Protein backbone atom coordinates (compact mmCIF):
# COMPACT_ATOMS: atom_id res chain seq x y z
CA UNK A 1 2.60 151.31 18.87
CA UNK A 2 5.68 149.57 18.61
CA UNK A 3 5.66 145.90 19.98
CA UNK A 4 8.04 145.19 22.46
CA UNK A 5 10.75 141.82 22.67
CA UNK A 6 9.91 138.97 25.11
CA UNK A 7 8.83 140.12 27.98
CA UNK A 8 10.78 143.67 28.15
CA UNK A 9 9.48 146.48 30.58
CA UNK A 10 7.87 149.11 28.26
CA UNK A 11 10.80 151.59 27.81
CA UNK A 12 7.92 154.71 27.94
CA UNK A 13 6.86 153.57 30.55
CA UNK A 14 9.97 153.23 32.93
CA UNK A 15 11.06 156.53 31.52
CA UNK A 16 7.33 158.15 33.23
CA UNK A 17 8.00 156.27 36.12
CA UNK A 18 11.12 158.34 36.30
CA UNK A 19 10.43 160.99 34.81
CA UNK A 20 6.75 161.91 34.11
CA UNK A 21 4.64 159.84 36.44
CA UNK A 22 1.42 162.22 35.51
CA UNK A 23 2.01 163.47 31.75
CA UNK A 24 -0.38 164.20 28.96
CA UNK A 25 0.09 161.42 25.99
CA UNK A 26 -1.90 161.19 22.88
CA UNK A 27 -2.86 157.15 21.98
CA UNK A 28 -2.99 155.54 18.80
CA UNK A 29 -6.52 156.19 18.22
CA UNK A 30 -9.70 158.78 18.87
CA UNK A 31 -9.18 162.02 19.57
CA UNK A 32 -7.16 164.41 21.54
CA UNK A 33 -4.97 163.96 24.54
CA UNK A 34 -5.11 162.50 27.61
CA UNK A 35 -3.58 161.79 31.17
CA UNK A 36 -1.44 159.20 32.32
CA UNK A 37 -0.79 158.30 35.93
CA UNK A 38 2.32 155.78 36.39
CA UNK A 39 3.45 155.60 39.99
CA UNK A 40 1.94 153.04 42.21
CA UNK A 41 0.27 155.42 44.88
CA UNK A 42 -0.88 157.83 42.44
CA UNK A 43 -2.80 154.56 40.35
CA UNK A 44 -4.38 153.46 43.80
CA UNK A 45 -5.17 157.28 44.50
CA UNK A 46 -7.37 157.64 41.19
CA UNK A 47 -8.48 154.67 40.95
CA UNK A 48 -10.38 154.63 44.12
CA UNK A 49 -11.11 157.99 44.17
CA UNK A 50 -15.36 158.40 43.04
CA UNK A 51 -14.32 161.91 41.18
CA UNK A 52 -12.94 159.46 38.56
CA UNK A 53 -15.71 157.98 36.45
CA UNK A 54 -15.63 155.29 34.39
CA UNK A 55 -19.09 156.44 32.66
CA UNK A 56 -17.47 157.61 29.38
CA UNK A 57 -19.76 155.85 27.24
CA UNK A 58 -20.56 157.72 24.09
CA UNK A 59 -17.74 160.24 24.61
CA UNK A 60 -15.22 160.80 21.93
CA UNK A 61 -11.86 159.66 23.75
CA UNK A 62 -8.28 158.59 23.01
CA UNK A 63 -7.78 154.89 22.75
CA UNK A 64 -5.40 151.93 22.10
CA UNK A 65 -7.61 150.69 19.50
CA UNK A 66 -9.98 151.45 16.89
CA UNK A 67 -12.48 149.48 18.53
CA UNK A 68 -14.24 149.33 22.33
CA UNK A 69 -13.51 145.90 23.77
CA UNK A 70 -15.87 145.82 26.30
CA UNK A 71 -19.78 146.06 25.59
CA UNK A 72 -21.46 149.18 26.86
CA UNK A 73 -23.22 147.70 29.51
CA UNK A 74 -19.65 146.11 30.92
CA UNK A 75 -19.06 146.83 34.40
CA UNK A 76 -16.03 148.43 33.27
CA UNK A 77 -18.17 151.50 31.99
CA UNK A 78 -20.26 151.03 35.65
CA UNK A 79 -19.73 153.64 38.66
CA UNK A 80 -20.60 152.20 42.15
CA UNK A 81 -23.34 151.49 43.34
CA UNK A 82 -24.52 149.94 39.78
CA UNK A 83 -21.40 148.19 39.56
CA UNK A 84 -21.78 146.64 42.83
CA UNK A 85 -25.09 145.93 42.02
CA UNK A 86 -23.87 143.56 39.18
CA UNK A 87 -20.67 142.51 40.39
CA UNK A 88 -22.88 140.52 43.43
CA UNK A 89 -24.76 138.18 41.17
CA UNK A 90 -21.48 136.51 40.64
CA UNK A 91 -19.03 137.27 43.54
CA UNK A 92 -20.01 133.87 45.46
CA UNK A 93 -18.65 131.97 42.89
CA UNK A 94 -14.94 133.45 42.95
CA UNK A 95 -14.69 133.36 47.05
CA UNK A 96 -11.90 131.70 48.80
CA UNK A 97 -14.35 128.97 49.74
CA UNK A 98 -15.72 128.55 46.79
CA UNK A 99 -12.32 128.25 45.09
CA UNK A 100 -11.55 125.44 47.46
CA UNK A 101 -14.50 123.69 46.53
CA UNK A 102 -13.24 123.97 42.73
CA UNK A 103 -9.86 123.12 43.09
CA UNK A 104 -10.30 119.59 42.85
CA UNK A 105 -11.69 119.65 39.64
CA UNK A 106 -9.48 122.63 38.66
CA UNK A 107 -6.69 119.35 39.16
CA UNK A 108 -8.69 117.39 37.01
CA UNK A 109 -9.05 119.54 34.52
CA UNK A 110 -5.03 120.00 33.88
CA UNK A 111 -4.32 116.55 34.58
CA UNK A 112 -6.00 115.65 31.37
CA UNK A 113 -4.31 118.31 29.69
CA UNK A 114 -0.83 117.48 31.30
CA UNK A 115 -1.71 113.72 30.16
CA UNK A 116 -1.91 115.05 26.59
CA UNK A 117 1.00 117.02 26.58
CA UNK A 118 3.47 114.24 27.50
CA UNK A 119 1.53 111.89 24.84
CA UNK A 120 2.56 114.43 22.53
CA UNK A 121 5.77 114.94 23.22
CA UNK A 122 8.66 115.37 24.06
CA UNK A 123 9.04 117.89 22.60
CA UNK A 124 5.58 119.54 22.26
CA UNK A 125 4.00 122.92 22.62
CA UNK A 126 3.10 123.90 25.78
CA UNK A 127 0.43 126.41 24.59
CA UNK A 128 -1.14 124.03 22.61
CA UNK A 129 -1.79 121.27 25.01
CA UNK A 130 -2.18 123.16 28.46
CA UNK A 131 -1.90 126.68 29.06
CA UNK A 132 -4.45 127.86 26.45
CA UNK A 133 -7.08 125.17 26.68
CA UNK A 134 -6.72 124.13 30.73
CA UNK A 135 -7.59 127.73 31.36
CA UNK A 136 -10.15 127.95 28.83
CA UNK A 137 -11.79 124.96 30.36
CA UNK A 138 -11.94 126.28 33.89
CA UNK A 139 -14.20 129.27 32.94
CA UNK A 140 -16.44 127.54 30.34
CA UNK A 141 -17.02 124.82 33.06
CA UNK A 142 -17.82 127.68 35.40
CA UNK A 143 -19.61 129.15 33.39
CA UNK A 144 -21.67 126.61 31.07
CA UNK A 145 -20.05 127.03 27.63
CA UNK A 146 -19.93 123.19 25.89
CA UNK A 147 -16.65 121.77 25.33
CA UNK A 148 -17.78 122.05 21.28
CA UNK A 149 -18.58 125.74 21.34
CA UNK A 150 -15.27 126.50 23.66
CA UNK A 151 -12.82 127.36 20.35
CA UNK A 152 -15.00 129.60 18.72
CA UNK A 153 -14.88 131.43 22.18
CA UNK A 154 -11.16 131.28 21.98
CA UNK A 155 -11.24 132.76 18.07
CA UNK A 156 -13.87 135.56 18.97
CA UNK A 157 -11.28 136.61 22.22
CA UNK A 158 -8.23 136.68 20.19
CA UNK A 159 -10.18 138.75 17.53
CA UNK A 160 -11.13 141.43 20.42
CA UNK A 161 -7.90 141.58 22.27
CA UNK A 162 -5.66 142.33 18.83
CA UNK A 163 -5.61 146.22 18.43
CA UNK A 164 -7.17 146.91 15.67
CA UNK A 165 -5.80 149.79 13.55
CA UNK A 166 -7.98 150.21 10.54
CA UNK A 167 -11.63 149.89 9.74
CA UNK A 168 -11.59 146.60 8.41
CA UNK A 169 -9.87 145.15 11.43
CA UNK A 170 -12.45 147.17 13.93
CA UNK A 171 -15.17 146.07 12.07
CA UNK A 172 -14.06 142.66 12.59
CA UNK A 173 -13.93 142.94 16.16
CA UNK A 174 -17.02 144.65 16.11
CA UNK A 175 -18.38 141.50 14.50
CA UNK A 176 -16.89 139.12 16.69
CA UNK A 177 -18.10 140.96 19.73
CA UNK A 178 -21.83 140.95 18.22
CA UNK A 179 -21.39 137.33 17.64
CA UNK A 180 -20.23 136.50 21.31
CA UNK A 181 -23.63 138.13 22.40
CA UNK A 182 -25.83 136.13 20.10
CA UNK A 183 -24.19 133.20 21.52
CA UNK A 184 -24.34 134.20 24.78
CA UNK A 185 -28.16 135.43 24.23
CA UNK A 186 -29.18 132.11 22.95
CA UNK A 187 -26.93 130.21 25.88
CA UNK A 188 -29.28 132.03 28.71
CA UNK A 189 -32.30 131.21 26.39
CA UNK A 190 -31.09 127.56 27.01
CA UNK A 191 -30.53 127.91 31.03
CA UNK A 192 -33.99 129.89 31.47
CA UNK A 193 -35.38 126.82 29.56
CA UNK A 194 -33.29 123.95 31.55
CA UNK A 195 -31.26 125.56 34.68
CA UNK A 196 -28.18 123.84 35.28
CA UNK A 197 -25.64 124.17 38.12
CA UNK A 198 -23.54 126.88 36.60
CA UNK A 199 -23.00 130.70 36.10
CA UNK A 200 -25.21 131.13 33.00
CA UNK A 201 -28.24 130.15 35.25
CA UNK A 202 -27.20 131.83 38.26
CA UNK A 203 -27.30 135.27 35.96
CA UNK A 204 -30.48 133.99 34.27
CA UNK A 205 -32.03 133.95 37.77
CA UNK A 206 -30.69 137.22 38.54
CA UNK A 207 -32.59 138.62 35.32
CA UNK A 208 -35.54 136.97 35.80
CA UNK A 209 -35.92 138.44 39.80
CA UNK A 210 -35.02 141.87 38.38
CA UNK A 211 -31.74 142.33 39.82
CA UNK A 212 -29.81 143.02 36.40
CA UNK A 213 -31.01 143.17 33.09
CA UNK A 214 -30.49 141.01 29.76
CA UNK A 215 -27.72 143.51 28.66
CA UNK A 216 -25.81 143.49 31.82
CA UNK A 217 -26.02 139.77 32.01
CA UNK A 218 -24.22 139.63 28.44
CA UNK A 219 -21.78 141.94 29.00
CA UNK A 220 -20.60 140.26 32.59
CA UNK A 221 -20.63 137.14 30.76
CA UNK A 222 -18.41 138.15 27.78
CA UNK A 223 -16.14 139.89 30.01
CA UNK A 224 -15.48 136.69 32.48
CA UNK A 225 -15.54 133.94 29.71
CA UNK A 226 -13.17 135.88 27.03
CA UNK A 227 -10.67 137.51 29.27
CA UNK A 228 -10.67 134.01 32.16
CA UNK A 229 -9.29 132.55 28.92
CA UNK A 230 -7.29 134.91 27.75
CA UNK A 231 -5.17 136.65 30.52
CA UNK A 232 -4.89 133.48 32.12
CA UNK A 233 -3.65 131.46 29.13
CA UNK A 234 -1.00 134.24 28.69
CA UNK A 235 0.33 135.17 32.16
CA UNK A 236 0.62 131.39 33.01
CA UNK A 237 2.65 131.00 29.93
CA UNK A 238 4.61 133.83 31.00
CA UNK A 239 5.24 132.54 34.07
CA UNK A 240 6.65 129.24 32.63
CA UNK A 241 8.60 131.13 30.08
CA UNK A 242 10.13 133.73 32.73
CA UNK A 243 10.82 130.22 35.11
CA UNK A 244 12.49 128.25 32.78
CA UNK A 245 14.35 131.25 31.48
CA UNK A 246 15.55 132.97 34.28
CA UNK A 247 18.64 131.25 36.44
CA UNK A 248 17.70 129.35 39.44
CA UNK A 249 14.27 130.11 39.61
CA UNK A 250 12.71 126.59 38.72
CA UNK A 251 15.24 125.05 41.10
CA UNK A 252 14.60 127.07 43.90
CA UNK A 253 10.56 126.23 42.94
CA UNK A 254 11.73 122.08 42.54
CA UNK A 255 14.06 122.36 46.02
CA UNK A 256 10.55 124.19 47.64
CA UNK A 257 7.64 123.65 46.27
CA UNK A 258 5.66 125.04 48.86
CA UNK A 259 7.19 128.69 47.48
CA UNK A 260 4.84 128.13 44.66
CA UNK A 261 1.74 130.79 46.05
CA UNK A 262 4.63 133.36 46.50
CA UNK A 263 6.03 132.54 43.13
CA UNK A 264 3.02 133.53 41.58
CA UNK A 265 2.31 136.25 43.28
CA UNK A 266 5.23 137.48 42.72
CA UNK A 267 5.47 136.77 38.74
CA UNK A 268 1.92 138.25 38.50
CA UNK A 269 3.40 141.66 39.94
CA UNK A 270 7.04 141.41 37.61
CA UNK A 271 5.29 140.06 34.23
CA UNK A 272 4.56 143.03 32.19
CA UNK A 273 2.10 141.75 30.06
CA UNK A 274 -0.39 144.21 29.05
CA UNK A 275 0.86 146.47 26.38
CA UNK A 276 -1.62 149.10 26.62
CA UNK A 277 -3.97 150.93 29.34
CA UNK A 278 -6.64 149.64 30.01
CA UNK A 279 -10.12 151.86 30.07
CA UNK A 280 -9.75 155.66 30.82
CA UNK A 281 -11.56 157.37 33.69
CA UNK A 282 -12.78 160.78 33.79
CA UNK A 283 -12.66 163.53 36.02
CA UNK A 284 -15.95 164.70 37.30
CA UNK A 285 -14.33 167.82 39.26
CA UNK A 286 -10.72 169.79 39.52
CA UNK A 287 -8.00 166.97 41.41
CA UNK A 288 -4.85 167.28 42.19
CA UNK A 289 -2.78 163.78 41.29
CA UNK A 290 0.80 163.55 42.08
CA UNK A 291 1.43 167.33 42.21
CA UNK A 292 -0.62 167.54 39.07
CA UNK A 293 -3.97 169.31 38.49
CA UNK A 294 -5.98 167.23 36.48
CA UNK A 295 -9.14 168.94 35.65
CA UNK A 296 -13.08 168.01 35.12
CA UNK A 297 -13.90 166.72 32.39
CA UNK A 298 -10.17 165.60 31.04
CA UNK A 299 -9.51 161.85 30.90
CA UNK A 300 -7.14 159.85 33.15
CA UNK A 301 -5.45 156.53 32.25
CA UNK A 302 -3.81 154.28 34.84
CA UNK A 303 -1.19 151.72 34.13
CA UNK A 304 -1.11 149.11 36.59
CA UNK A 305 1.56 147.57 34.90
CA UNK A 306 4.33 150.64 36.00
CA UNK A 307 2.66 150.73 39.40
CA UNK A 308 4.04 147.30 39.99
CA UNK A 309 7.43 148.44 38.53
CA UNK A 310 7.56 151.27 40.80
CA UNK A 311 11.01 150.94 42.56
CA UNK A 312 9.85 153.75 45.20
CA UNK A 313 7.42 150.56 46.20
CA UNK A 314 8.89 147.35 45.02
CA UNK A 315 13.27 148.11 44.87
CA UNK A 316 15.01 146.39 42.31
CA UNK A 317 11.42 145.88 40.36
CA UNK A 318 13.25 144.25 37.12
CA UNK A 319 14.23 141.30 39.66
CA UNK A 320 11.91 138.29 40.18
CA UNK A 321 12.64 137.70 43.70
CA UNK A 322 10.02 134.98 45.90
CA UNK A 323 10.91 136.36 48.86
CA UNK A 324 9.92 140.10 48.04
CA UNK A 325 7.79 141.92 50.92
CA UNK A 326 5.57 144.73 50.02
CA UNK A 327 2.48 145.74 49.41
CA UNK A 328 -0.30 144.12 47.25
CA UNK A 329 0.58 144.35 43.41
CA UNK A 330 -1.99 146.06 40.89
CA UNK A 331 -2.24 142.87 38.41
CA UNK A 332 -5.66 142.34 39.02
CA UNK A 333 -6.10 146.14 39.41
CA UNK A 334 -7.26 148.77 42.60
CA UNK A 335 -10.54 149.95 43.69
CA UNK A 336 -14.37 149.50 42.73
CA UNK A 337 -13.40 148.19 39.52
CA UNK A 338 -10.65 145.07 40.69
CA UNK A 339 -10.41 141.94 38.59
CA UNK A 340 -14.25 139.85 39.44
CA UNK A 341 -11.89 136.43 39.40
CA UNK A 342 -8.55 137.35 40.83
CA UNK A 343 -8.25 134.13 43.37
CA UNK A 344 -9.93 131.91 40.41
CA UNK A 345 -6.99 133.04 38.47
CA UNK A 346 -4.21 132.74 41.40
CA UNK A 347 -5.56 128.91 41.91
CA UNK A 348 -5.52 127.97 38.43
CA UNK A 349 -1.81 129.20 37.92
CA UNK A 350 -0.63 127.81 41.39
CA UNK A 351 -2.46 124.39 40.16
CA UNK A 352 -0.49 124.62 37.19
CA UNK A 353 3.31 125.15 38.43
CA UNK A 354 2.91 123.01 41.16
CA UNK A 355 1.60 120.40 38.90
CA UNK A 356 4.51 120.88 36.12
CA UNK A 357 6.84 120.73 39.06
CA UNK A 358 5.56 117.51 40.04
CA UNK A 359 4.81 116.09 36.78
CA UNK A 360 7.47 117.33 34.98
CA UNK A 361 10.81 117.99 37.08
CA UNK A 362 12.50 118.29 34.22
CA UNK A 363 10.46 120.63 32.59
CA UNK A 364 12.74 123.06 29.97
CA UNK A 365 12.76 125.02 26.75
CA UNK A 366 13.04 122.23 23.86
CA UNK A 367 14.32 125.32 21.59
CA UNK A 368 16.85 128.32 22.73
CA UNK A 369 14.79 131.38 24.23
CA UNK A 370 15.47 133.36 21.36
CA UNK A 371 13.68 131.06 19.09
CA UNK A 372 10.39 131.56 21.15
CA UNK A 373 7.53 133.42 18.71
CA UNK A 374 5.92 136.51 20.14
CA UNK A 375 3.08 137.76 19.01
CA UNK A 376 2.45 141.15 17.36
CA UNK A 377 -0.24 143.65 17.52
CA UNK A 378 -1.45 142.48 20.69
CA UNK A 379 -2.85 144.09 23.70
CA UNK A 380 -1.78 141.31 26.47
CA UNK A 381 1.38 139.32 25.59
CA UNK A 382 2.56 135.90 25.70
CA UNK A 383 4.52 133.52 23.66
CA UNK A 384 2.89 132.07 20.81
CA UNK A 385 3.69 128.69 21.29
CA UNK A 386 6.26 127.20 23.88
CA UNK A 387 8.14 124.53 23.07
CA UNK A 388 9.35 122.16 25.96
CA UNK A 389 10.68 118.93 26.79
CA UNK A 390 11.41 116.76 29.67
């Protein structure tokens, strides 16, 4: 699968939306063919219909990379009601009320990072100083990962969320996942001995109460910590890049800062950050999707990115329109496996953009847009670095 330039929408997904919204495809690794569903309504249907199961562990499946990214007991592979049982342990930490309490601390963490950016430049790398460390600070503080350990967390996430195309890379990813698991097992033991006001202590108490088991704790922690950094880092960097390279967008927000929440939501819809198709589902009986019969036992992938660019739902989908009206986007998924922390991710993005507008009103790229570097072989896209000046 070829790497895409900048934030271009995948031409294969564009063609699929137009001509083959439910189609048979082959992926780079694994066995056999699978279905790919791309249109908004069909994606919502597949991801919410109980006849499509995420319980695929132990099955030979086609996939984007040679290794499985989530751990075997991860929420990604659990159907309701077990899925809801595990989510319920951490759900109170991600409510709107919890976000309102957390927001001042998030602002403090960001201000420290912006201070360092301003001390280093101009020019300076926004990724190095802000968009990479900031979400890692937030999710690590929430879970209880000490500052000294956070660079290692970032390294594991980068390894696990890079496409492994050969056995050497797959082994490296498996080793990284095992190391992360061992680290979080040790952290859980520390919190069992000395509980603190963090999510790890909450999850340890849930294990001791019999609500979840130790393996579910480890899988859930790995999911939240690694994705809580990696996805937010790339999405916020992409947001800033888009605002600085699309005519008029940053000026609009400078003149109307109250539009930031709407801009964040539209950017979440528009940014085609995921370079892949996530985790599959398996049909547990014959089901018709978009006029196509998917048979019992066949594997189905959905593309949330494609659903967000469905022109039947979002007219002129390739335009960033902060005034856009329409149904909720699919950037955080849909159905029972909807993202655990969308309110946190939104809040981090809103705080980041508002702070940059306020503290660096003349923020702009320090290099031509074509000189911004983009990674290769990744599952989530975002600039390697973002040189900025002000």
